């Protein structure tokens, strides 16, 4: 286990039609992982990711299961190559579930079913059109938190939902409050305020019905002690106690993702390099803005993974 290495697992927004095509064409361990997910969910995960003929890949309940499957397939491909194992694992939002699977806390088949259920519960928690999310670029964290409190009313609230990196935050809440916040942020000096193509106001108290549903599901599963440091989004620290991990997953749905703090804390503990274990490069971009001394390798093609394993 390499004490200076971390694996980072992406969340929603990293998915794309055709992701992992080269891996799926050539690597048995990746094909087998997708087959496992298909058996659990009773639909063809490989067809969803490669063809997406019914345009389901961007629907939350399908997105979450697809990204988990892709990340774990890549993790298994890394292991099959004899790559170093990290001392730390962290995932952004949904990616926390991928990190927990890789750290041997949750069985893959249980996790695939769980995140599919999680996606459905999140969509059901807030009726379509009620919630909204937006990215705010170029504003101080505390200033944005204060603005959220200022524009919120008793029946229209907005919260900071993702602390992604300095100067890049995501807010979420009731649609009208989010729109007010976007205007207020621009007036306060934000460079950009962009609505996101996500209706479920994730990581806010509006997700409490989904959190309750996840808590019930988690109570029916067997969780195991982690094989390495695995980081909680809600608490910005690594957790080793199974009960703490379970409660933190419930908290995650109604609490902000504290990604900036998590990366900073890992760096302070001696992490100097990381691998973005999933499709895309969203997390590597965030990490560069958080800590320029921390290098992140991308492994989204077999050639990139070979290079990273050898390095």
C-alpha atoms as a PDB file:
ATOM      1  CA  UNK A   1       0.000   0.000   0.000  1.00  0.00           C
ATOM      2  CA  UNK A   2       1.456   3.347  -1.083  1.00  0.00           C
ATOM      3  CA  UNK A   3       1.045   5.944   1.727  1.00  0.00           C
ATOM      4  CA  UNK A   4       1.446   8.882  -0.685  1.00  0.00           C
ATOM      5  CA  UNK A   5      -1.162   7.649  -3.202  1.00  0.00           C
ATOM      6  CA  UNK A   6      -4.929   8.297  -3.325  1.00  0.00           C
ATOM      7  CA  UNK A   7      -7.636   7.012  -5.646  1.00  0.00           C
ATOM      8  CA  UNK A   8     -10.380   9.530  -6.492  1.00  0.00           C
ATOM      9  CA  UNK A   9     -13.749   8.375  -7.818  1.00  0.00           C
ATOM     10  CA  UNK A  10     -15.984  10.777  -9.791  1.00  0.00           C
ATOM     11  CA  UNK A  11     -19.679  11.481  -9.408  1.00  0.00           C
ATOM     12  CA  UNK A  12     -22.466  12.607 -11.708  1.00  0.00           C
ATOM     13  CA  UNK A  13     -21.350  14.778 -14.581  1.00  0.00           C
ATOM     14  CA  UNK A  14     -18.457  12.502 -15.554  1.00  0.00           C
ATOM     15  CA  UNK A  15     -20.607  10.128 -17.594  1.00  0.00           C
ATOM     16  CA  UNK A  16     -20.500  10.099 -21.387  1.00  0.00           C
ATOM     17  CA  UNK A  17     -21.851   7.802 -24.056  1.00  0.00           C
ATOM     18  CA  UNK A  18     -19.109   5.410 -25.142  1.00  0.00           C
ATOM     19  CA  UNK A  19     -17.035   5.723 -21.968  1.00  0.00           C
ATOM     20  CA  UNK A  20     -14.685   2.771 -21.384  1.00  0.00           C
ATOM     21  CA  UNK A  21     -15.233   1.513 -24.952  1.00  0.00           C
ATOM     22  CA  UNK A  22     -11.596   0.429 -25.328  1.00  0.00           C
ATOM     23  CA  UNK A  23     -11.621  -1.360 -21.980  1.00  0.00           C
ATOM     24  CA  UNK A  24     -14.902  -3.115 -22.784  1.00  0.00           C
ATOM     25  CA  UNK A  25     -13.616  -4.254 -26.154  1.00  0.00           C
ATOM     26  CA  UNK A  26     -10.430  -5.818 -24.824  1.00  0.00           C
ATOM     27  CA  UNK A  27     -10.403  -6.531 -21.075  1.00  0.00           C
ATOM     28  CA  UNK A  28     -12.187  -9.472 -19.497  1.00  0.00           C
ATOM     29  CA  UNK A  29     -12.190  -8.031 -15.967  1.00  0.00           C
ATOM     30  CA  UNK A  30     -14.035  -4.940 -17.235  1.00  0.00           C
ATOM     31  CA  UNK A  31     -16.519  -6.983 -19.261  1.00  0.00           C
ATOM     32  CA  UNK A  32     -17.194  -9.206 -16.237  1.00  0.00           C
ATOM     33  CA  UNK A  33     -17.827  -6.193 -13.998  1.00  0.00           C
ATOM     34  CA  UNK A  34     -20.402  -4.833 -16.436  1.00  0.00           C
ATOM     35  CA  UNK A  35     -22.021  -8.277 -16.632  1.00  0.00           C
ATOM     36  CA  UNK A  36     -22.287  -8.380 -12.828  1.00  0.00           C
ATOM     37  CA  UNK A  37     -24.068  -5.022 -12.836  1.00  0.00           C
ATOM     38  CA  UNK A  38     -26.401  -6.171 -15.615  1.00  0.00           C
ATOM     39  CA  UNK A  39     -27.341  -9.288 -13.630  1.00  0.00           C
ATOM     40  CA  UNK A  40     -28.165  -7.217 -10.532  1.00  0.00           C
ATOM     41  CA  UNK A  41     -30.163  -4.508 -12.339  1.00  0.00           C
ATOM     42  CA  UNK A  42     -31.803  -6.675 -15.028  1.00  0.00           C
ATOM     43  CA  UNK A  43     -30.763  -4.450 -17.925  1.00  0.00           C
ATOM     44  CA  UNK A  44     -27.721  -4.431 -20.203  1.00  0.00           C
ATOM     45  CA  UNK A  45     -25.233  -2.040 -18.587  1.00  0.00           C
ATOM     46  CA  UNK A  46     -22.778  -2.308 -21.492  1.00  0.00           C
ATOM     47  CA  UNK A  47     -25.472  -1.362 -24.019  1.00  0.00           C
ATOM     48  CA  UNK A  48     -26.524   1.565 -21.809  1.00  0.00           C
ATOM     49  CA  UNK A  49     -22.984   2.943 -21.646  1.00  0.00           C
ATOM     50  CA  UNK A  50     -21.893   2.263 -25.225  1.00  0.00           C
ATOM     51  CA  UNK A  51     -25.108   2.841 -27.190  1.00  0.00           C
ATOM     52  CA  UNK A  52     -27.651   4.558 -24.911  1.00  0.00           C
ATOM     53  CA  UNK A  53     -30.341   4.207 -27.577  1.00  0.00           C
ATOM     54  CA  UNK A  54     -33.104   5.228 -25.139  1.00  0.00           C
ATOM     55  CA  UNK A  55     -31.093   8.186 -23.806  1.00  0.00           C
ATOM     56  CA  UNK A  56     -31.139   6.961 -20.221  1.00  0.00           C
ATOM     57  CA  UNK A  57     -27.489   7.543 -19.324  1.00  0.00           C
ATOM     58  CA  UNK A  58     -28.193  11.062 -18.044  1.00  0.00           C
ATOM     59  CA  UNK A  59     -31.184   9.940 -15.956  1.00  0.00           C
ATOM     60  CA  UNK A  60     -30.075   9.878 -12.334  1.00  0.00           C
ATOM     61  CA  UNK A  61     -30.962   6.285 -11.431  1.00  0.00           C
ATOM     62  CA  UNK A  62     -29.102   5.008 -14.509  1.00  0.00           C
ATOM     63  CA  UNK A  63     -26.229   7.512 -14.286  1.00  0.00           C
ATOM     64  CA  UNK A  64     -25.323   6.538 -10.747  1.00  0.00           C
ATOM     65  CA  UNK A  65     -25.233   2.797 -11.428  1.00  0.00           C
ATOM     66  CA  UNK A  66     -23.276   3.309 -14.666  1.00  0.00           C
ATOM     67  CA  UNK A  67     -20.617   5.486 -13.051  1.00  0.00           C
ATOM     68  CA  UNK A  68     -20.181   3.111 -10.115  1.00  0.00           C
ATOM     69  CA  UNK A  69     -19.813   0.196 -12.533  1.00  0.00           C
ATOM     70  CA  UNK A  70     -17.303   2.095 -14.687  1.00  0.00           C
ATOM     71  CA  UNK A  71     -15.189   3.133 -11.697  1.00  0.00           C
ATOM     72  CA  UNK A  72     -15.064  -0.349 -10.177  1.00  0.00           C
ATOM     73  CA  UNK A  73     -14.313  -1.908 -13.569  1.00  0.00           C
ATOM     74  CA  UNK A  74     -11.357   0.459 -13.926  1.00  0.00           C
ATOM     75  CA  UNK A  75     -10.231  -0.221 -10.358  1.00  0.00           C
ATOM     76  CA  UNK A  76     -10.255  -3.949 -11.086  1.00  0.00           C
ATOM     77  CA  UNK A  77      -8.332  -3.367 -14.318  1.00  0.00           C
ATOM     78  CA  UNK A  78      -5.716  -1.447 -12.314  1.00  0.00           C
ATOM     79  CA  UNK A  79      -5.424  -4.333  -9.825  1.00  0.00           C
ATOM     80  CA  UNK A  80      -5.167  -6.847 -12.678  1.00  0.00           C
ATOM     81  CA  UNK A  81      -2.146  -4.895 -13.968  1.00  0.00           C
ATOM     82  CA  UNK A  82      -0.462  -5.161 -10.575  1.00  0.00           C
ATOM     83  CA  UNK A  83      -0.767  -1.435  -9.895  1.00  0.00           C
ATOM     84  CA  UNK A  84       0.056  -0.024  -6.456  1.00  0.00           C
ATOM     85  CA  UNK A  85      -2.820   0.161  -3.988  1.00  0.00           C
ATOM     86  CA  UNK A  86      -3.445   3.540  -2.322  1.00  0.00           C
ATOM     87  CA  UNK A  87      -3.560   4.398   1.366  1.00  0.00           C
ATOM     88  CA  UNK A  88      -6.492   6.757   0.716  1.00  0.00           C
ATOM     89  CA  UNK A  89      -9.703   6.566  -1.303  1.00  0.00           C
ATOM     90  CA  UNK A  90     -12.257   9.326  -1.786  1.00  0.00           C
ATOM     91  CA  UNK A  91     -15.204   9.823  -4.077  1.00  0.00           C
ATOM     92  CA  UNK A  92     -17.114  12.957  -5.023  1.00  0.00           C
ATOM     93  CA  UNK A  93     -20.802  12.600  -4.080  1.00  0.00           C
ATOM     94  CA  UNK A  94     -21.904   9.349  -5.768  1.00  0.00           C
ATOM     95  CA  UNK A  95     -18.205   8.492  -6.079  1.00  0.00           C
ATOM     96  CA  UNK A  96     -18.084   7.893  -2.329  1.00  0.00           C
ATOM     97  CA  UNK A  97     -19.916   4.619  -2.988  1.00  0.00           C
ATOM     98  CA  UNK A  98     -17.264   3.610  -5.536  1.00  0.00           C
ATOM     99  CA  UNK A  99     -14.564   4.389  -2.956  1.00  0.00           C
ATOM    100  CA  UNK A 100     -16.342   2.215  -0.384  1.00  0.00           C
ATOM    101  CA  UNK A 101     -16.556  -0.708  -2.811  1.00  0.00           C
ATOM    102  CA  UNK A 102     -12.864  -0.369  -3.687  1.00  0.00           C
ATOM    103  CA  UNK A 103     -12.016  -0.214   0.044  1.00  0.00           C
ATOM    104  CA  UNK A 104     -13.914  -3.496   0.626  1.00  0.00           C
ATOM    105  CA  UNK A 105     -16.638  -1.864   2.734  1.00  0.00           C
ATOM    106  CA  UNK A 106     -19.607  -2.673   0.462  1.00  0.00           C
ATOM    107  CA  UNK A 107     -19.892  -5.603  -1.936  1.00  0.00           C
ATOM    108  CA  UNK A 108     -20.122  -4.462  -5.555  1.00  0.00           C
ATOM    109  CA  UNK A 109     -23.462  -6.169  -6.227  1.00  0.00           C
ATOM    110  CA  UNK A 110     -24.999  -4.566  -3.122  1.00  0.00           C
ATOM    111  CA  UNK A 111     -23.609  -1.161  -4.094  1.00  0.00           C
ATOM    112  CA  UNK A 112     -24.961  -1.300  -7.663  1.00  0.00           C
ATOM    113  CA  UNK A 113     -28.456  -2.028  -6.394  1.00  0.00           C
ATOM    114  CA  UNK A 114     -28.072   0.616  -3.671  1.00  0.00           C
ATOM    115  CA  UNK A 115     -27.031   3.482  -5.955  1.00  0.00           C
ATOM    116  CA  UNK A 116     -29.763   2.615  -8.447  1.00  0.00           C
ATOM    117  CA  UNK A 117     -32.239   2.873  -5.569  1.00  0.00           C
ATOM    118  CA  UNK A 118     -30.507   6.059  -4.381  1.00  0.00           C
ATOM    119  CA  UNK A 119     -31.026   7.689  -7.760  1.00  0.00           C
ATOM    120  CA  UNK A 120     -34.707   6.796  -7.784  1.00  0.00           C
ATOM    121  CA  UNK A 121     -35.121   8.051  -4.203  1.00  0.00           C
ATOM    122  CA  UNK A 122     -33.444  11.368  -5.046  1.00  0.00           C
ATOM    123  CA  UNK A 123     -35.708  11.943  -8.042  1.00  0.00           C
ATOM    124  CA  UNK A 124     -38.784  11.074  -5.970  1.00  0.00           C
ATOM    125  CA  UNK A 125     -37.815  13.253  -2.989  1.00  0.00           C
ATOM    126  CA  UNK A 126     -38.515  16.570  -4.726  1.00  0.00           C
ATOM    127  CA  UNK A 127     -41.139  16.887  -7.496  1.00  0.00           C
ATOM    128  CA  UNK A 128     -39.879  17.893 -10.944  1.00  0.00           C
ATOM    129  CA  UNK A 129     -39.560  21.665 -11.301  1.00  0.00           C
ATOM    130  CA  UNK A 130     -39.421  22.400  -7.566  1.00  0.00           C
ATOM    131  CA  UNK A 131     -35.661  22.115  -7.137  1.00  0.00           C
ATOM    132  CA  UNK A 132     -32.657  23.532  -8.949  1.00  0.00           C
ATOM    133  CA  UNK A 133     -28.845  23.537  -8.823  1.00  0.00           C
ATOM    134  CA  UNK A 134     -26.339  26.121 -10.075  1.00  0.00           C
ATOM    135  CA  UNK A 135     -22.570  26.518 -10.241  1.00  0.00           C
ATOM    136  CA  UNK A 136     -21.114  29.754  -8.904  1.00  0.00           C
ATOM    137  CA  UNK A 137     -17.653  30.678 -10.179  1.00  0.00           C
ATOM    138  CA  UNK A 138     -15.316  33.234  -8.641  1.00  0.00           C
ATOM    139  CA  UNK A 139     -16.812  33.934  -5.224  1.00  0.00           C
ATOM    140  CA  UNK A 140     -15.382  33.339  -1.758  1.00  0.00           C
ATOM    141  CA  UNK A 141     -16.854  30.306   0.037  1.00  0.00           C
ATOM    142  CA  UNK A 142     -18.051  32.179   3.116  1.00  0.00           C
ATOM    143  CA  UNK A 143     -19.470  35.010   1.017  1.00  0.00           C
ATOM    144  CA  UNK A 144     -21.580  32.503  -0.886  1.00  0.00           C
ATOM    145  CA  UNK A 145     -22.765  30.783   2.295  1.00  0.00           C
ATOM    146  CA  UNK A 146     -23.821  34.194   3.640  1.00  0.00           C
ATOM    147  CA  UNK A 147     -25.629  35.036   0.387  1.00  0.00           C
ATOM    148  CA  UNK A 148     -27.562  31.750   0.574  1.00  0.00           C
ATOM    149  CA  UNK A 149     -28.817  32.727   4.033  1.00  0.00           C
ATOM    150  CA  UNK A 150     -29.637  36.254   2.867  1.00  0.00           C
ATOM    151  CA  UNK A 151     -31.816  35.257  -0.111  1.00  0.00           C
ATOM    152  CA  UNK A 152     -33.575  32.318   1.575  1.00  0.00           C
ATOM    153  CA  UNK A 153     -37.078  32.705   3.013  1.00  0.00           C
ATOM    154  CA  UNK A 154     -39.227  30.399   5.134  1.00  0.00           C
ATOM    155  CA  UNK A 155     -40.593  28.532   2.108  1.00  0.00           C
ATOM    156  CA  UNK A 156     -37.863  29.169  -0.503  1.00  0.00           C
ATOM    157  CA  UNK A 157     -34.368  28.119   0.573  1.00  0.00           C
ATOM    158  CA  UNK A 158     -30.980  27.670  -1.075  1.00  0.00           C
ATOM    159  CA  UNK A 159     -27.811  26.121   0.361  1.00  0.00           C
ATOM    160  CA  UNK A 160     -24.170  25.630  -0.605  1.00  0.00           C
ATOM    161  CA  UNK A 161     -24.186  21.997  -1.816  1.00  0.00           C
ATOM    162  CA  UNK A 162     -20.693  21.287  -3.210  1.00  0.00           C
ATOM    163  CA  UNK A 163     -17.474  22.928  -2.045  1.00  0.00           C
ATOM    164  CA  UNK A 164     -15.611  21.713  -5.138  1.00  0.00           C
ATOM    165  CA  UNK A 165     -12.512  23.905  -5.052  1.00  0.00           C
ATOM    166  CA  UNK A 166     -11.665  27.497  -4.124  1.00  0.00           C
ATOM    167  CA  UNK A 167     -13.818  29.772  -6.245  1.00  0.00           C
ATOM    168  CA  UNK A 168     -16.091  27.012  -7.551  1.00  0.00           C
ATOM    169  CA  UNK A 169     -19.155  26.087  -5.560  1.00  0.00           C
ATOM    170  CA  UNK A 170     -22.500  24.535  -6.379  1.00  0.00           C
ATOM    171  CA  UNK A 171     -25.690  25.722  -4.738  1.00  0.00           C
ATOM    172  CA  UNK A 172     -28.993  23.884  -4.582  1.00  0.00           C
ATOM    173  CA  UNK A 173     -32.473  24.293  -3.214  1.00  0.00           C
ATOM    174  CA  UNK A 174     -35.875  25.601  -4.250  1.00  0.00           C
ATOM    175  CA  UNK A 175     -35.813  26.865  -7.840  1.00  0.00           C
ATOM    176  CA  UNK A 176     -36.856  30.445  -7.063  1.00  0.00           C
ATOM    177  CA  UNK A 177     -34.295  30.766  -4.268  1.00  0.00           C
ATOM    178  CA  UNK A 178     -31.530  29.417  -6.526  1.00  0.00           C
ATOM    179  CA  UNK A 179     -32.462  31.974  -9.186  1.00  0.00           C
ATOM    180  CA  UNK A 180     -32.334  34.771  -6.593  1.00  0.00           C
ATOM    181  CA  UNK A 181     -28.969  33.503  -5.398  1.00  0.00           C
ATOM    182  CA  UNK A 182     -27.559  33.491  -8.942  1.00  0.00           C
ATOM    183  CA  UNK A 183     -28.484  37.164  -9.360  1.00  0.00           C
ATOM    184  CA  UNK A 184     -27.130  38.071  -5.920  1.00  0.00           C
ATOM    185  CA  UNK A 185     -23.873  36.224  -6.615  1.00  0.00           C
ATOM    186  CA  UNK A 186     -23.301  38.149  -9.839  1.00  0.00           C
ATOM    187  CA  UNK A 187     -23.992  41.420  -8.018  1.00  0.00           C
ATOM    188  CA  UNK A 188     -21.480  40.365  -5.349  1.00  0.00           C
ATOM    189  CA  UNK A 189     -18.756  39.848  -7.947  1.00  0.00           C
ATOM    190  CA  UNK A 190     -19.085  36.237  -9.089  1.00  0.00           C
ATOM    191  CA  UNK A 191     -17.601  35.698 -12.544  1.00  0.00           C
ATOM    192  CA  UNK A 192     -20.338  33.290 -13.595  1.00  0.00           C
ATOM    193  CA  UNK A 193     -23.538  31.770 -12.257  1.00  0.00           C
ATOM    194  CA  UNK A 194     -24.629  28.777 -14.330  1.00  0.00           C
ATOM    195  CA  UNK A 195     -27.785  26.696 -13.906  1.00  0.00           C
ATOM    196  CA  UNK A 196     -27.070  22.948 -13.962  1.00  0.00           C
ATOM    197  CA  UNK A 197     -29.076  20.343 -15.875  1.00  0.00           C
ATOM    198  CA  UNK A 198     -30.056  18.624 -12.617  1.00  0.00           C
ATOM    199  CA  UNK A 199     -33.462  19.033 -11.041  1.00  0.00           C
ATOM    200  CA  UNK A 200     -32.885  17.156  -7.771  1.00  0.00           C
ATOM    201  CA  UNK A 201     -31.359  19.589  -5.221  1.00  0.00           C
ATOM    202  CA  UNK A 202     -28.698  17.160  -4.018  1.00  0.00           C
ATOM    203  CA  UNK A 203     -26.834  17.578  -0.725  1.00  0.00           C
ATOM    204  CA  UNK A 204     -29.465  19.809   0.855  1.00  0.00           C
ATOM    205  CA  UNK A 205     -32.114  19.247   3.556  1.00  0.00           C
ATOM    206  CA  UNK A 206     -34.688  18.839   0.751  1.00  0.00           C
ATOM    207  CA  UNK A 207     -33.206  15.367   0.216  1.00  0.00           C
ATOM    208  CA  UNK A 208     -34.347  14.167   3.656  1.00  0.00           C
ATOM    209  CA  UNK A 209     -36.939  11.728   2.218  1.00  0.00           C
ATOM    210  CA  UNK A 210     -34.180  10.133   0.124  1.00  0.00           C
ATOM    211  CA  UNK A 211     -31.848  10.050   3.136  1.00  0.00           C
ATOM    212  CA  UNK A 212     -34.510   8.246   5.175  1.00  0.00           C
ATOM    213  CA  UNK A 213     -34.972   5.704   2.387  1.00  0.00           C
ATOM    214  CA  UNK A 214     -31.207   5.136   2.074  1.00  0.00           C
ATOM    215  CA  UNK A 215     -30.884   4.695   5.833  1.00  0.00           C
ATOM    216  CA  UNK A 216     -33.450   1.910   5.731  1.00  0.00           C
ATOM    217  CA  UNK A 217     -31.700   0.213   2.796  1.00  0.00           C
ATOM    218  CA  UNK A 218     -28.268   0.489   4.422  1.00  0.00           C
ATOM    219  CA  UNK A 219     -29.579  -1.141   7.595  1.00  0.00           C
ATOM    220  CA  UNK A 220     -30.343  -4.253   5.524  1.00  0.00           C
ATOM    221  CA  UNK A 221     -26.780  -4.571   4.168  1.00  0.00           C
ATOM    222  CA  UNK A 222     -23.609  -5.983   5.680  1.00  0.00           C
ATOM    223  CA  UNK A 223     -20.787  -3.460   5.704  1.00  0.00           C
ATOM    224  CA  UNK A 224     -17.154  -4.313   6.452  1.00  0.00           C
ATOM    225  CA  UNK A 225     -14.223  -2.416   7.935  1.00  0.00           C
ATOM    226  CA  UNK A 226     -12.286  -0.523   5.230  1.00  0.00           C
ATOM    227  CA  UNK A 227      -8.965  -1.806   3.923  1.00  0.00           C
ATOM    228  CA  UNK A 228      -7.545   1.743   3.765  1.00  0.00           C
ATOM    229  CA  UNK A 229      -8.466   5.320   4.645  1.00  0.00           C
ATOM    230  CA  UNK A 230     -11.815   6.049   2.991  1.00  0.00           C
ATOM    231  CA  UNK A 231     -13.078   9.614   3.103  1.00  0.00           C
ATOM    232  CA  UNK A 232     -16.531  10.964   3.928  1.00  0.00           C
ATOM    233  CA  UNK A 233     -17.934  13.843   1.849  1.00  0.00           C
ATOM    234  CA  UNK A 234     -20.123  15.063   4.678  1.00  0.00           C
ATOM    235  CA  UNK A 235     -17.397  15.023   7.342  1.00  0.00           C
ATOM    236  CA  UNK A 236     -14.223  15.707   5.312  1.00  0.00           C
ATOM    237  CA  UNK A 237     -12.305  13.014   7.181  1.00  0.00           C
ATOM    238  CA  UNK A 238     -11.540   9.328   6.835  1.00  0.00           C
ATOM    239  CA  UNK A 239     -13.791   6.897   8.691  1.00  0.00           C
ATOM    240  CA  UNK A 240     -12.969   3.391   9.883  1.00  0.00           C
ATOM    241  CA  UNK A 241     -15.982   2.502  12.029  1.00  0.00           C
ATOM    242  CA  UNK A 242     -18.735   0.777  10.045  1.00  0.00           C
ATOM    243  CA  UNK A 243     -21.525   2.538  11.958  1.00  0.00           C
ATOM    244  CA  UNK A 244     -19.885   5.923  11.259  1.00  0.00           C
ATOM    245  CA  UNK A 245     -19.552   5.106   7.554  1.00  0.00           C
ATOM    246  CA  UNK A 246     -23.209   4.117   7.379  1.00  0.00           C
ATOM    247  CA  UNK A 247     -24.456   7.254   9.138  1.00  0.00           C
ATOM    248  CA  UNK A 248     -22.151   9.477   7.051  1.00  0.00           C
ATOM    249  CA  UNK A 249     -23.649   8.068   3.831  1.00  0.00           C
ATOM    250  CA  UNK A 250     -27.084   9.102   5.085  1.00  0.00           C
ATOM    251  CA  UNK A 251     -25.773  12.547   6.059  1.00  0.00           C
ATOM    252  CA  UNK A 252     -24.192  12.920   2.624  1.00  0.00           C
ATOM    253  CA  UNK A 253     -27.561  13.326   0.915  1.00  0.00           C
ATOM    254  CA  UNK A 254     -28.567  16.296   3.084  1.00  0.00           C
ATOM    255  CA  UNK A 255     -25.109  17.831   3.711  1.00  0.00           C
ATOM    256  CA  UNK A 256     -22.661  19.632   1.423  1.00  0.00           C
ATOM    257  CA  UNK A 257     -19.839  17.793  -0.320  1.00  0.00           C
ATOM    258  CA  UNK A 258     -16.684  19.068   1.408  1.00  0.00           C
ATOM    259  CA  UNK A 259     -14.300  18.167  -1.403  1.00  0.00           C
ATOM    260  CA  UNK A 260     -11.865  21.052  -0.963  1.00  0.00           C
ATOM    261  CA  UNK A 261     -11.312  20.230   2.720  1.00  0.00           C
ATOM    262  CA  UNK A 262     -10.928  16.524   1.982  1.00  0.00           C
ATOM    263  CA  UNK A 263      -8.199  17.038  -0.629  1.00  0.00           C
ATOM    264  CA  UNK A 264      -6.384  19.546   1.591  1.00  0.00           C
ATOM    265  CA  UNK A 265      -6.492  17.112   4.530  1.00  0.00           C
ATOM    266  CA  UNK A 266      -5.154  14.243   2.411  1.00  0.00           C
ATOM    267  CA  UNK A 267      -2.304  16.435   1.219  1.00  0.00           C
ATOM    268  CA  UNK A 268      -1.444  17.319   4.822  1.00  0.00           C
ATOM    269  CA  UNK A 269      -1.302  13.581   5.610  1.00  0.00           C
ATOM    270  CA  UNK A 270       1.359  13.051   2.945  1.00  0.00           C
ATOM    271  CA  UNK A 271      -0.611  12.290  -0.231  1.00  0.00           C
ATOM    272  CA  UNK A 272       1.399  13.581  -3.195  1.00  0.00           C
ATOM    273  CA  UNK A 273      -0.201  11.781  -6.147  1.00  0.00           C
ATOM    274  CA  UNK A 274      -3.641  10.515  -7.086  1.00  0.00           C
ATOM    275  CA  UNK A 275      -5.417   8.552  -9.786  1.00  0.00           C
ATOM    276  CA  UNK A 276      -8.836   9.639 -11.062  1.00  0.00           C
ATOM    277  CA  UNK A 277     -10.391   6.187 -11.155  1.00  0.00           C
ATOM    278  CA  UNK A 278     -13.267   6.809 -13.522  1.00  0.00           C
ATOM    279  CA  UNK A 279     -14.361   8.276 -16.806  1.00  0.00           C
ATOM    280  CA  UNK A 280     -13.533  11.890 -17.579  1.00  0.00           C
ATOM    281  CA  UNK A 281     -11.232  14.376 -15.871  1.00  0.00           C
ATOM    282  CA  UNK A 282     -13.500  16.486 -13.673  1.00  0.00           C
ATOM    283  CA  UNK A 283     -11.726  15.654 -10.414  1.00  0.00           C
ATOM    284  CA  UNK A 284      -8.211  16.220 -11.754  1.00  0.00           C
ATOM    285  CA  UNK A 285      -9.263  19.735 -12.708  1.00  0.00           C
ATOM    286  CA  UNK A 286     -10.635  20.406  -9.225  1.00  0.00           C
ATOM    287  CA  UNK A 287      -7.543  19.001  -7.508  1.00  0.00           C
ATOM    288  CA  UNK A 288      -5.260  21.273  -9.549  1.00  0.00           C
ATOM    289  CA  UNK A 289      -7.188  24.256  -8.208  1.00  0.00           C
ATOM    290  CA  UNK A 290      -7.056  22.989  -4.621  1.00  0.00           C
ATOM    291  CA  UNK A 291      -3.405  21.907  -4.399  1.00  0.00           C
ATOM    292  CA  UNK A 292      -1.024  22.415  -7.310  1.00  0.00           C
ATOM    293  CA  UNK A 293       1.599  20.169  -5.675  1.00  0.00           C
ATOM    294  CA  UNK A 294      -0.672  17.116  -5.929  1.00  0.00           C
ATOM    295  CA  UNK A 295      -0.395  15.328  -9.294  1.00  0.00           C
ATOM    296  CA  UNK A 296      -3.390  13.407 -10.674  1.00  0.00           C
ATOM    297  CA  UNK A 297      -3.119  10.691 -13.323  1.00  0.00           C
ATOM    298  CA  UNK A 298      -5.971   9.989 -15.741  1.00  0.00           C
ATOM    299  CA  UNK A 299      -6.633   6.346 -16.634  1.00  0.00           C
ATOM    300  CA  UNK A 300      -9.726   6.457 -18.850  1.00  0.00           C
ATOM    301  CA  UNK A 301      -8.104   4.417 -21.661  1.00  0.00           C
ATOM    302  CA  UNK A 302      -6.019   1.231 -21.376  1.00  0.00           C
ATOM    303  CA  UNK A 303      -2.971   3.096 -22.697  1.00  0.00           C
ATOM    304  CA  UNK A 304      -3.337   5.838 -20.068  1.00  0.00           C
ATOM    305  CA  UNK A 305      -3.739   3.214 -17.342  1.00  0.00           C
ATOM    306  CA  UNK A 306      -0.653   1.310 -18.500  1.00  0.00           C
ATOM    307  CA  UNK A 307       1.356   4.505 -18.349  1.00  0.00           C
ATOM    308  CA  UNK A 308       0.060   5.386 -14.862  1.00  0.00           C
ATOM    309  CA  UNK A 309       0.686   1.881 -13.485  1.00  0.00           C
ATOM    310  CA  UNK A 310       4.265   1.941 -14.776  1.00  0.00           C
ATOM    311  CA  UNK A 311       4.812   5.411 -13.315  1.00  0.00           C
END
